[in-house]
PDB file of N, CA and C in Angstrom:
ATOM      1  N   MET A   1       0.846  -0.923   0.086  1.00  0.00           N
ATOM      2  CA  MET A   1       0.017  -0.090   0.223  1.00  0.00           C
ATOM      3  C   MET A   1       0.949   1.089  -0.173  1.00  0.00           C
ATOM      4  N   ALA A   2       0.477   2.091  -1.036  1.00  0.00           N
ATOM      5  CA  ALA A   2       1.175   3.242  -1.021  1.00  0.00           C
ATOM      6  C   ALA A   2       0.620   4.555   0.125  1.00  0.00           C
ATOM      7  N   TYR A   3       1.671   4.765   1.117  1.00  0.00           N
ATOM      8  CA  TYR A   3       1.432   5.689   1.949  1.00  0.00           C
ATOM      9  C   TYR A   3       1.467   7.214   1.811  1.00  0.00           C
ATOM     10  N   THR A   4       0.927   8.207   2.250  1.00  0.00           N
ATOM     11  CA  THR A   4       0.492   9.275   2.338  1.00  0.00           C
ATOM     12  C   THR A   4       1.233   9.886   3.328  1.00  0.00           C
ATOM     13  N   GLN A   5       1.579  11.095   3.623  1.00  0.00           N
ATOM     14  CA  GLN A   5       1.956  11.867   4.728  1.00  0.00           C
ATOM     15  C   GLN A   5       0.899  12.112   5.696  1.00  0.00           C
ATOM     16  N   ALA A   6      -0.175  12.606   5.228  1.00  0.00           N
ATOM     17  CA  ALA A   6      -1.438  12.776   5.898  1.00  0.00           C
ATOM     18  C   ALA A   6      -1.267  11.508   6.667  1.00  0.00           C
ATOM     19  N   GLN A   7      -1.329  10.237   6.151  1.00  0.00           N
ATOM     20  CA  GLN A   7      -1.647   8.855   6.972  1.00  0.00           C
ATOM     21  C   GLN A   7      -0.747   9.007   7.817  1.00  0.00           C
ATOM     22  N   LEU A   8       0.875   9.247   7.406  1.00  0.00           N
ATOM     23  CA  LEU A   8       1.901   9.100   8.435  1.00  0.00           C
ATOM     24  C   LEU A   8       1.443  10.305  10.049  1.00  0.00           C
ATOM     25  N   ASP A   9       1.142  11.147   9.463  1.00  0.00           N
ATOM     26  CA  ASP A   9       0.710  12.143  10.382  1.00  0.00           C
ATOM     27  C   ASP A   9      -0.364  11.685  11.281  1.00  0.00           C
ATOM     28  N   GLN A  10      -1.480  11.349  11.013  1.00  0.00           N
ATOM     29  CA  GLN A  10      -2.423  10.368  11.682  1.00  0.00           C
ATOM     30  C   GLN A  10      -1.894   9.345  12.533  1.00  0.00           C
ATOM     31  N   VAL A  11      -0.944   8.410  12.170  1.00  0.00           N
ATOM     32  CA  VAL A  11      -0.629   7.701  12.589  1.00  0.00           C
ATOM     33  C   VAL A  11       0.485   8.059  14.158  1.00  0.00           C
ATOM     34  N   GLU A  12       1.415   9.094  13.770  1.00  0.00           N
ATOM     35  CA  GLU A  12       2.135   9.862  14.646  1.00  0.00           C
ATOM     36  C   GLU A  12       1.471  10.565  15.701  1.00  0.00           C
ATOM     37  N   GLN A  13       0.335  10.847  15.202  1.00  0.00           N
ATOM     38  CA  GLN A  13      -0.524  11.620  16.261  1.00  0.00           C
ATOM     39  C   GLN A  13      -1.407  10.676  17.516  1.00  0.00           C
ATOM     40  N   ALA A  14      -1.427   9.450  16.849  1.00  0.00           N
ATOM     41  CA  ALA A  14      -2.033   8.308  17.637  1.00  0.00           C
ATOM     42  C   ALA A  14      -0.980   8.188  18.696  1.00  0.00           C
ATOM     43  N   ILE A  15       0.005   7.872  18.392  1.00  0.00           N
ATOM     44  CA  ILE A  15       1.224   7.485  19.144  1.00  0.00           C
ATOM     45  C   ILE A  15       1.565   8.706  20.160  1.00  0.00           C
ATOM     46  N   VAL A  16       1.040  10.171  19.818  1.00  0.00           N
ATOM     47  CA  VAL A  16       1.288  10.947  20.999  1.00  0.00           C
ATOM     48  C   VAL A  16      -0.049  10.536  21.926  1.00  0.00           C
ATOM     49  N   ASP A  17      -0.976  10.156  21.493  1.00  0.00           N
ATOM     50  CA  ASP A  17      -2.345  10.371  22.085  1.00  0.00           C
ATOM     51  C   ASP A  17      -2.065   9.135  22.858  1.00  0.00           C
ATOM     52  N   LEU A  18      -1.743   8.132  22.507  1.00  0.00           N
ATOM     53  CA  LEU A  18      -1.588   6.761  23.254  1.00  0.00           C
ATOM     54  C   LEU A  18      -0.683   7.079  24.656  1.00  0.00           C
ATOM     55  N   ALA A  19       0.296   7.710  24.008  1.00  0.00           N
ATOM     56  CA  ALA A  19       1.571   8.009  25.025  1.00  0.00           C
ATOM     57  C   ALA A  19       1.158   8.969  26.488  1.00  0.00           C
ATOM     58  N   ARG A  20       0.096   9.399  25.807  1.00  0.00           N
ATOM     59  CA  ARG A  20      -0.590  10.849  26.917  1.00  0.00           C
ATOM     60  C   ARG A  20      -1.638   9.875  27.800  1.00  0.00           C
ATOM     61  N   GLY A  21      -2.360   8.721  27.475  1.00  0.00           N
ATOM     62  CA  GLY A  21      -2.783   8.350  28.320  1.00  0.00           C
ATOM     63  C   GLY A  21      -4.459   7.930  27.771  1.00  0.00           C
ATOM     64  N   GLU A  22      -4.409   8.298  26.679  1.00  0.00           N
ATOM     65  CA  GLU A  22      -5.608   7.689  25.759  1.00  0.00           C
ATOM     66  C   GLU A  22      -5.958   5.996  25.917  1.00  0.00           C
ATOM     67  N   ARG A  23      -7.006   5.645  25.886  1.00  0.00           N
ATOM     68  CA  ARG A  23      -7.152   4.296  26.159  1.00  0.00           C
ATOM     69  C   ARG A  23      -7.229   3.519  24.377  1.00  0.00           C
ATOM     70  N   VAL A  24      -7.687   4.425  23.748  1.00  0.00           N
ATOM     71  CA  VAL A  24      -8.305   3.736  22.329  1.00  0.00           C
ATOM     72  C   VAL A  24      -8.011   4.990  21.317  1.00  0.00           C
ATOM     73  N   VAL A  25      -7.381   4.575  20.372  1.00  0.00           N
ATOM     74  CA  VAL A  25      -7.340   5.524  19.293  1.00  0.00           C
ATOM     75  C   VAL A  25      -7.591   5.023  17.900  1.00  0.00           C
ATOM     76  N   GLU A  26      -8.245   5.795  16.910  1.00  0.00           N
ATOM     77  CA  GLU A  26      -8.784   5.074  15.829  1.00  0.00           C
ATOM     78  C   GLU A  26      -7.624   5.895  14.611  1.00  0.00           C
ATOM     79  N   VAL A  27      -7.160   5.063  13.759  1.00  0.00           N
ATOM     80  CA  VAL A  27      -6.537   5.865  12.464  1.00  0.00           C
ATOM     81  C   VAL A  27      -7.296   5.379  11.197  1.00  0.00           C
ATOM     82  N   ARG A  28      -7.524   6.837  10.195  1.00  0.00           N
ATOM     83  CA  ARG A  28      -8.144   6.524   9.042  1.00  0.00           C
ATOM     84  C   ARG A  28      -7.448   6.118   7.964  1.00  0.00           C
ATOM     85  N   PHE A  29      -7.104   5.165   7.350  1.00  0.00           N
ATOM     86  CA  PHE A  29      -6.653   5.158   6.139  1.00  0.00           C
ATOM     87  C   PHE A  29      -7.242   5.490   4.560  1.00  0.00           C
ATOM     88  N   GLY A  30      -8.850   5.574   4.811  1.00  0.00           N
ATOM     89  CA  GLY A  30      -9.297   5.905   3.485  1.00  0.00           C
ATOM     90  C   GLY A  30     -10.665   5.648   3.917  1.00  0.00           C
ATOM     91  N   PRO A  31     -12.090   6.324   3.189  1.00  0.00           N
ATOM     92  CA  PRO A  31     -13.103   5.898   3.453  1.00  0.00           C
ATOM     93  C   PRO A  31     -13.196   4.413   3.860  1.00  0.00           C
ATOM     94  N   GLY A  32     -13.901   4.351   5.007  1.00  0.00           N
ATOM     95  CA  GLY A  32     -14.543   2.932   5.327  1.00  0.00           C
ATOM     96  C   GLY A  32     -13.420   1.924   6.115  1.00  0.00           C
ATOM     97  N   ASP A  33     -12.174   2.818   5.636  1.00  0.00           N
ATOM     98  CA  ASP A  33     -10.856   2.081   6.195  1.00  0.00           C
ATOM     99  C   ASP A  33     -10.396   2.375   7.421  1.00  0.00           C
ATOM    100  N   SER A  34     -10.423   2.182   8.607  1.00  0.00           N
ATOM    101  CA  SER A  34      -9.937   2.587   9.900  1.00  0.00           C
ATOM    102  C   SER A  34      -9.451   1.456  10.581  1.00  0.00           C
ATOM    103  N   THR A  35      -8.521   1.670  11.310  1.00  0.00           N
ATOM    104  CA  THR A  35      -8.043   0.679  12.471  1.00  0.00           C
ATOM    105  C   THR A  35      -8.052   1.273  13.599  1.00  0.00           C
ATOM    106  N   ARG A  36      -8.642   0.789  15.112  1.00  0.00           N
ATOM    107  CA  ARG A  36      -8.429   1.121  16.105  1.00  0.00           C
ATOM    108  C   ARG A  36      -7.366   0.378  16.872  1.00  0.00           C
ATOM    109  N   TYR A  37      -6.482   1.050  17.660  1.00  0.00           N
ATOM    110  CA  TYR A  37      -5.319   0.703  18.471  1.00  0.00           C
ATOM    111  C   TYR A  37      -5.680   0.862  19.870  1.00  0.00           C
ATOM    112  N   ALA A  38      -5.234   0.204  20.791  1.00  0.00           N
ATOM    113  CA  ALA A  38      -5.246   0.166  22.307  1.00  0.00           C
ATOM    114  C   ALA A  38      -3.838   0.841  23.144  1.00  0.00           C
ATOM    115  N   THR A  39      -3.942   0.905  24.090  1.00  0.00           N
ATOM    116  CA  THR A  39      -2.275   1.193  24.681  1.00  0.00           C
ATOM    117  C   THR A  39      -1.378  -0.112  24.295  1.00  0.00           C
ATOM    118  N   ALA A  40      -1.733  -0.802  24.444  1.00  0.00           N
ATOM    119  CA  ALA A  40      -1.369  -2.459  24.603  1.00  0.00           C
ATOM    120  C   ALA A  40      -0.818  -2.601  23.226  1.00  0.00           C
ATOM    121  N   GLU A  41      -1.020  -1.902  22.006  1.00  0.00           N
ATOM    122  CA  GLU A  41      -0.761  -2.460  20.944  1.00  0.00           C
ATOM    123  C   GLU A  41       0.417  -0.889  20.124  1.00  0.00           C
ATOM    124  N   LEU A  42       0.760  -0.050  21.072  1.00  0.00           N
ATOM    125  CA  LEU A  42       1.736   0.736  20.712  1.00  0.00           C
ATOM    126  C   LEU A  42       2.756   0.607  20.328  1.00  0.00           C
ATOM    127  N   PRO A  43       3.529  -1.006  20.515  1.00  0.00           N
ATOM    128  CA  PRO A  43       4.630  -1.089  19.520  1.00  0.00           C
ATOM    129  C   PRO A  43       4.209  -1.423  18.302  1.00  0.00           C
ATOM    130  N   GLN A  44       3.275  -1.905  18.002  1.00  0.00           N
ATOM    131  CA  GLN A  44       2.435  -2.383  16.463  1.00  0.00           C
ATOM    132  C   GLN A  44       2.620  -1.246  15.982  1.00  0.00           C
ATOM    133  N   LEU A  45       2.021   0.299  16.348  1.00  0.00           N
ATOM    134  CA  LEU A  45       1.633   1.262  15.992  1.00  0.00           C
ATOM    135  C   LEU A  45       3.079   1.985  15.866  1.00  0.00           C
ATOM    136  N   ILE A  46       3.846   2.203  16.642  1.00  0.00           N
ATOM    137  CA  ILE A  46       5.312   2.465  16.627  1.00  0.00           C
ATOM    138  C   ILE A  46       6.053   2.030  15.116  1.00  0.00           C
ATOM    139  N   GLU A  47       5.857   0.225  14.833  1.00  0.00           N
ATOM    140  CA  GLU A  47       6.524  -0.511  14.000  1.00  0.00           C
ATOM    141  C   GLU A  47       5.782   0.130  12.477  1.00  0.00           C
ATOM    142  N   LEU A  48       4.528   0.733  12.548  1.00  0.00           N
ATOM    143  CA  LEU A  48       3.290   0.781  11.351  1.00  0.00           C
ATOM    144  C   LEU A  48       3.958   2.423  11.058  1.00  0.00           C
ATOM    145  N   ARG A  49       4.329   2.739  12.019  1.00  0.00           N
ATOM    146  CA  ARG A  49       5.265   4.540  11.457  1.00  0.00           C
ATOM    147  C   ARG A  49       6.337   4.235  10.939  1.00  0.00           C
ATOM    148  N   ASP A  50       7.261   3.487  11.592  1.00  0.00           N
ATOM    149  CA  ASP A  50       8.392   3.238  11.112  1.00  0.00           C
ATOM    150  C   ASP A  50       8.509   2.855   9.255  1.00  0.00           C
ATOM    151  N   ARG A  51       7.531   1.784   9.068  1.00  0.00           N
ATOM    152  CA  ARG A  51       7.586   1.011   7.904  1.00  0.00           C
ATOM    153  C   ARG A  51       6.800   2.655   6.512  1.00  0.00           C
ATOM    154  N   MET A  52       5.881   2.970   7.411  1.00  0.00           N
ATOM    155  CA  MET A  52       5.360   3.904   6.558  1.00  0.00           C
ATOM    156  C   MET A  52       6.353   5.128   6.429  1.00  0.00           C
ATOM    157  N   LYS A  53       7.171   5.637   7.120  1.00  0.00           N
ATOM    158  CA  LYS A  53       8.331   6.578   6.835  1.00  0.00           C
ATOM    159  C   LYS A  53       9.003   5.854   5.882  1.00  0.00           C
ATOM    160  N   SER A  54      10.066   4.854   5.954  1.00  0.00           N
ATOM    161  CA  SER A  54      10.442   4.113   5.250  1.00  0.00           C
ATOM    162  C   SER A  54      10.040   4.000   3.341  1.00  0.00           C
ATOM    163  N   GLU A  55       8.935   3.604   3.503  1.00  0.00           N
ATOM    164  CA  GLU A  55       8.275   3.927   2.172  1.00  0.00           C
ATOM    165  C   GLU A  55       7.989   4.945   1.898  1.00  0.00           C
ATOM    166  N   ILE A  56       7.465   5.868   2.235  1.00  0.00           N
ATOM    167  CA  ILE A  56       7.493   7.357   1.636  1.00  0.00           C
ATOM    168  C   ILE A  56       9.015   7.759   1.490  1.00  0.00           C
ATOM    169  N   LEU A  57       9.965   7.709   2.046  1.00  0.00           N
ATOM    170  CA  LEU A  57      11.015   7.948   1.635  1.00  0.00           C
ATOM    171  C   LEU A  57      11.596   7.472   0.574  1.00  0.00           C
ATOM    172  N   ALA A  58      11.289   6.099   0.461  1.00  0.00           N
ATOM    173  CA  ALA A  58      11.638   5.533  -1.084  1.00  0.00           C
ATOM    174  C   ALA A  58      10.844   5.750  -2.017  1.00  0.00           C
ATOM    175  N   ALA A  59       9.731   6.147  -1.566  1.00  0.00           N
ATOM    176  CA  ALA A  59       9.259   6.481  -3.034  1.00  0.00           C
ATOM    177  C   ALA A  59       9.589   8.014  -3.431  1.00  0.00           C
ATOM    178  N   GLY A  60       9.988   8.911  -2.444  1.00  0.00           N
ATOM    179  CA  GLY A  60      10.232  10.010  -2.877  1.00  0.00           C
ATOM    180  C   GLY A  60      11.969  10.343  -3.768  1.00  0.00           C
ATOM    181  N   LYS A  61      12.594   9.025  -3.394  1.00  0.00           N
ATOM    182  CA  LYS A  61      14.226   9.207  -3.673  1.00  0.00           C
ATOM    183  C   LYS A  61      14.165   8.811  -5.090  1.00  0.00           C
ATOM    184  N   GLY A  62      13.272   8.414  -5.881  1.00  0.00           N
ATOM    185  CA  GLY A  62      13.635   8.653  -7.595  1.00  0.00           C
ATOM    186  C   GLY A  62      13.682  10.211  -8.308  1.00  0.00           C
ATOM    187  N   ARG A  63      13.077  11.200  -7.502  1.00  0.00           N
ATOM    188  CA  ARG A  63      12.834  12.181  -7.899  1.00  0.00           C
ATOM    189  C   ARG A  63      13.796  13.475  -7.449  1.00  0.00           C
ATOM    190  N   ARG A  64      14.610  12.868  -6.598  1.00  0.00           N
ATOM    191  CA  ARG A  64      15.380  13.985  -6.061  1.00  0.00           C
ATOM    192  C   ARG A  64      16.525  14.021  -6.827  1.00  0.00           C
ATOM    193  N   ILE A  65      17.673  15.048  -6.743  1.00  0.00           N
ATOM    194  CA  ILE A  65      18.926  15.426  -7.401  1.00  0.00           C
ATOM    195  C   ILE A  65      19.470  15.470  -6.697  1.00  0.00           C
ATOM    196  N   ARG A  66      20.405  14.566  -6.566  1.00  0.00           N
ATOM    197  CA  ARG A  66      21.489  14.396  -5.629  1.00  0.00           C
ATOM    198  C   ARG A  66      22.686  15.333  -5.775  1.00  0.00           C
ATOM    199  N   GLY A  67      22.816  15.952  -7.058  1.00  0.00           N
ATOM    200  CA  GLY A  67      24.008  16.452  -7.432  1.00  0.00           C
ATOM    201  C   GLY A  67      24.375  16.955  -8.718  1.00  0.00           C
ATOM    202  N   PHE A  68      24.923  17.743  -9.080  1.00  0.00           N
ATOM    203  CA  PHE A  68      25.397  17.941 -10.346  1.00  0.00           C
ATOM    204  C   PHE A  68      26.520  18.571 -10.669  1.00  0.00           C
ATOM    205  N   ARG A  69      27.296  18.525 -11.789  1.00  0.00           N
ATOM    206  CA  ARG A  69      28.493  18.859 -12.044  1.00  0.00           C
ATOM    207  C   ARG A  69      28.488  19.926 -13.495  1.00  0.00           C
ATOM    208  N   LEU A  70      29.133  20.794 -13.109  1.00  0.00           N
ATOM    209  CA  LEU A  70      29.142  22.348 -14.340  1.00  0.00           C
ATOM    210  C   LEU A  70      30.401  22.287 -14.810  1.00  0.00           C
ATOM    211  N   ASN A  71      30.845  22.142 -15.857  1.00  0.00           N
ATOM    212  CA  ASN A  71      31.900  22.257 -16.729  1.00  0.00           C
ATOM    213  C   ASN A  71      32.003  23.356 -17.661  1.00  0.00           C
ATOM    214  N   HIS A  72      32.954  24.449 -17.679  1.00  0.00           N
ATOM    215  CA  HIS A  72      32.822  25.520 -18.458  1.00  0.00           C
ATOM    216  C   HIS A  72      34.077  26.032 -18.676  1.00  0.00           C
ATOM    217  N   ASN A  73      34.363  26.557 -20.072  1.00  0.00           N
ATOM    218  CA  ASN A  73      35.405  27.246 -20.353  1.00  0.00           C
ATOM    219  C   ASN A  73      35.668  28.746 -20.294  1.00  0.00           C
ATOM    220  N   ARG A  74      36.375  29.779 -20.147  1.00  0.00           N
ATOM    221  CA  ARG A  74      36.366  31.043 -19.893  1.00  0.00           C
ATOM    222  C   ARG A  74      36.649  31.496 -21.327  1.00  0.00           C
ATOM    223  N   GLY A  75      36.792  30.386 -22.138  1.00  0.00           N
ATOM    224  CA  GLY A  75      37.246  31.040 -23.962  1.00  0.00           C
ATOM    225  C   GLY A  75      38.422  31.497 -23.906  1.00  0.00           C
ATOM    226  N   LEU A  76      39.471  31.652 -23.252  1.00  0.00           N
ATOM    227  CA  LEU A  76      40.573  32.187 -22.947  1.00  0.00           C
ATOM    228  C   LEU A  76      41.823  31.581 -23.892  1.00  0.00           C
TER     229      LEU A  76
END
């Protein structure tokens, strides 16, 4: 599944909410597609966040310019 930055933001907010003491949080991945996480599932949620981050970074690497070289002569 291709994750979006908005979905990653939701997962990170859910982690913060669980860490603050919320008992159950819900993360929506699309219309009709949501998952509820309880405090005991915090490690699974952290693993999901890490997987989402790596997939988002991997998807963006193909478009990034890593560097360039400029060669020219001054005409002397």
